[in-house]
Amino acid sequence: MTVDVAQLVSAGWLAPGARLRNCQMKDEFPAALATVAQDGRLHVDGRAYDTPSGAAHAYTQRSINGWFWWAVEGTGKSLADLRSDYLASLGADD
């Protein structure tokens, strides 16, 4: 089953306005910040990205898996972990 950020938002697993910080490469990108929109897009420096990887690329300028790069601020839980927990709640594997 494929899950995107919009599904996590609509299911209540990720709140609109939630702030995401990078949980990898912290020393290299200490100010990396994205904000989750109601439609599931991630906003970085005033620009909207359709995927976590696109938003991560805005900082790294290289191909990177944004599901593992971003974590919910205050929880430290990566988007990949959040997605896995959501799938498990549905009885599905990721």
C-alpha atoms as a PDB file:
ATOM      1  CA  MET A   1       0.000   0.000   0.000  1.00  0.00           C
ATOM      2  CA  THR A   2       1.306   3.434  -0.912  1.00  0.00           C
ATOM      3  CA  VAL A   3       0.840   6.238   1.577  1.00  0.00           C
ATOM      4  CA  ASP A   4       1.586   9.913   1.028  1.00  0.00           C
ATOM      5  CA  VAL A   5       1.761  12.814   3.459  1.00  0.00           C
ATOM      6  CA  ALA A   6      -1.761  13.957   2.509  1.00  0.00           C
ATOM      7  CA  GLN A   7      -3.146  10.625   3.726  1.00  0.00           C
ATOM      8  CA  LEU A   8      -1.325  10.983   7.048  1.00  0.00           C
ATOM      9  CA  VAL A   9      -2.831  14.455   7.423  1.00  0.00           C
ATOM     10  CA  SER A  10      -6.379  13.440   6.486  1.00  0.00           C
ATOM     11  CA  ALA A  11      -6.216  10.418   8.823  1.00  0.00           C
ATOM     12  CA  GLY A  12      -5.103  12.629  11.712  1.00  0.00           C
ATOM     13  CA  TRP A  13      -1.635  11.114  12.069  1.00  0.00           C
ATOM     14  CA  LEU A  14       0.090  14.367  11.111  1.00  0.00           C
ATOM     15  CA  ALA A  15      -1.347  17.782  11.913  1.00  0.00           C
ATOM     16  CA  PRO A  16      -1.478  20.628   9.409  1.00  0.00           C
ATOM     17  CA  GLY A  17       1.076  23.164  10.554  1.00  0.00           C
ATOM     18  CA  ALA A  18       3.344  20.502  12.042  1.00  0.00           C
ATOM     19  CA  ARG A  19       6.997  21.439  11.807  1.00  0.00           C
ATOM     20  CA  LEU A  20       9.481  18.938  10.457  1.00  0.00           C
ATOM     21  CA  ARG A  21      13.226  18.982  11.117  1.00  0.00           C
ATOM     22  CA  ASN A  22      15.887  16.924   9.446  1.00  0.00           C
ATOM     23  CA  CYS A  23      16.861  13.878  11.489  1.00  0.00           C
ATOM     24  CA  GLN A  24      19.837  13.043   9.274  1.00  0.00           C
ATOM     25  CA  MET A  25      22.784  15.273   8.392  1.00  0.00           C
ATOM     26  CA  LYS A  26      21.940  17.585  11.326  1.00  0.00           C
ATOM     27  CA  ASP A  27      25.413  19.118  11.411  1.00  0.00           C
ATOM     28  CA  GLU A  28      25.326  19.889   7.703  1.00  0.00           C
ATOM     29  CA  PHE A  29      21.765  21.302   7.652  1.00  0.00           C
ATOM     30  CA  PRO A  30      20.976  22.465  11.218  1.00  0.00           C
ATOM     31  CA  ALA A  31      18.307  24.980  10.127  1.00  0.00           C
ATOM     32  CA  ALA A  32      16.358  22.620   7.854  1.00  0.00           C
ATOM     33  CA  LEU A  33      12.657  23.166   8.492  1.00  0.00           C
ATOM     34  CA  ALA A  34       9.490  22.216   6.629  1.00  0.00           C
ATOM     35  CA  THR A  35       5.870  22.898   7.547  1.00  0.00           C
ATOM     36  CA  VAL A  36       3.073  20.465   6.709  1.00  0.00           C
ATOM     37  CA  ALA A  37       0.119  21.924   4.786  1.00  0.00           C
ATOM     38  CA  GLN A  38      -3.499  20.706   4.959  1.00  0.00           C
ATOM     39  CA  ASP A  39      -3.126  19.256   1.450  1.00  0.00           C
ATOM     40  CA  GLY A  40      -0.036  17.254   2.474  1.00  0.00           C
ATOM     41  CA  ARG A  41       2.520  19.398   0.715  1.00  0.00           C
ATOM     42  CA  LEU A  42       5.609  20.457   2.622  1.00  0.00           C
ATOM     43  CA  HIS A  43       6.519  24.127   2.671  1.00  0.00           C
ATOM     44  CA  VAL A  44      10.183  25.118   2.747  1.00  0.00           C
ATOM     45  CA  ASP A  45      11.149  28.789   2.615  1.00  0.00           C
ATOM     46  CA  GLY A  46       7.801  29.774   1.088  1.00  0.00           C
ATOM     47  CA  ARG A  47       7.826  27.085  -1.600  1.00  0.00           C
ATOM     48  CA  ALA A  48       5.542  24.023  -1.588  1.00  0.00           C
ATOM     49  CA  TYR A  49       6.836  20.529  -2.368  1.00  0.00           C
ATOM     50  CA  ASP A  50       4.649  17.560  -3.232  1.00  0.00           C
ATOM     51  CA  THR A  51       6.902  14.979  -1.594  1.00  0.00           C
ATOM     52  CA  PRO A  52       9.173  14.746   1.447  1.00  0.00           C
ATOM     53  CA  SER A  53      12.075  13.949  -0.887  1.00  0.00           C
ATOM     54  CA  GLY A  54      11.442  17.089  -2.914  1.00  0.00           C
ATOM     55  CA  ALA A  55      11.467  19.188   0.244  1.00  0.00           C
ATOM     56  CA  ALA A  56      14.684  17.514   1.441  1.00  0.00           C
ATOM     57  CA  HIS A  57      16.277  18.130  -1.953  1.00  0.00           C
ATOM     58  CA  ALA A  58      15.622  21.850  -1.473  1.00  0.00           C
ATOM     59  CA  TYR A  59      18.265  21.728   1.267  1.00  0.00           C
ATOM     60  CA  THR A  60      20.657  19.025   0.147  1.00  0.00           C
ATOM     61  CA  GLN A  61      20.613  19.648  -3.606  1.00  0.00           C
ATOM     62  CA  ARG A  62      20.947  15.893  -4.060  1.00  0.00           C
ATOM     63  CA  SER A  63      18.695  12.892  -4.264  1.00  0.00           C
ATOM     64  CA  ILE A  64      17.620  11.813  -0.788  1.00  0.00           C
ATOM     65  CA  ASN A  65      14.763   9.831   0.735  1.00  0.00           C
ATOM     66  CA  GLY A  66      12.746  12.507   2.496  1.00  0.00           C
ATOM     67  CA  TRP A  67      10.665   9.968   4.420  1.00  0.00           C
ATOM     68  CA  PHE A  68      13.789   9.159   6.452  1.00  0.00           C
ATOM     69  CA  TRP A  69      15.280  12.684   6.361  1.00  0.00           C
ATOM     70  CA  TRP A  70      12.375  14.525   8.009  1.00  0.00           C
ATOM     71  CA  ALA A  71      11.156  14.040  11.589  1.00  0.00           C
ATOM     72  CA  VAL A  72       8.237  15.640  13.403  1.00  0.00           C
ATOM     73  CA  GLU A  73       9.603  18.396  15.618  1.00  0.00           C
ATOM     74  CA  GLY A  74       9.314  17.608  19.306  1.00  0.00           C
ATOM     75  CA  THR A  75       8.853  13.875  18.765  1.00  0.00           C
ATOM     76  CA  GLY A  76      11.936  12.896  16.795  1.00  0.00           C
ATOM     77  CA  LYS A  77       9.758  10.435  14.886  1.00  0.00           C
ATOM     78  CA  SER A  78      10.674  10.265  11.212  1.00  0.00           C
ATOM     79  CA  LEU A  79       8.009  10.419   8.531  1.00  0.00           C
ATOM     80  CA  ALA A  80       9.012   6.841   7.621  1.00  0.00           C
ATOM     81  CA  ASP A  81       8.269   5.696  11.193  1.00  0.00           C
ATOM     82  CA  LEU A  82       4.980   7.597  11.200  1.00  0.00           C
ATOM     83  CA  ARG A  83       3.996   5.995   7.886  1.00  0.00           C
ATOM     84  CA  SER A  84       4.920   2.535   9.229  1.00  0.00           C
ATOM     85  CA  ASP A  85       2.817   3.071  12.346  1.00  0.00           C
ATOM     86  CA  TYR A  86      -0.104   4.236  10.209  1.00  0.00           C
ATOM     87  CA  LEU A  87       0.146   1.168   7.960  1.00  0.00           C
ATOM     88  CA  ALA A  88       0.369  -1.102  10.983  1.00  0.00           C
ATOM     89  CA  SER A  89      -2.828   0.462  12.343  1.00  0.00           C
ATOM     90  CA  LEU A  90      -4.529  -0.565   9.114  1.00  0.00           C
ATOM     91  CA  GLY A  91      -3.146  -4.083   9.324  1.00  0.00           C
ATOM     92  CA  ALA A  92      -0.910  -3.452   6.307  1.00  0.00           C
ATOM     93  CA  ASP A  93       2.830  -3.764   5.824  1.00  0.00           C
ATOM     94  CA  ASP A  94       4.928  -0.968   4.379  1.00  0.00           C
END
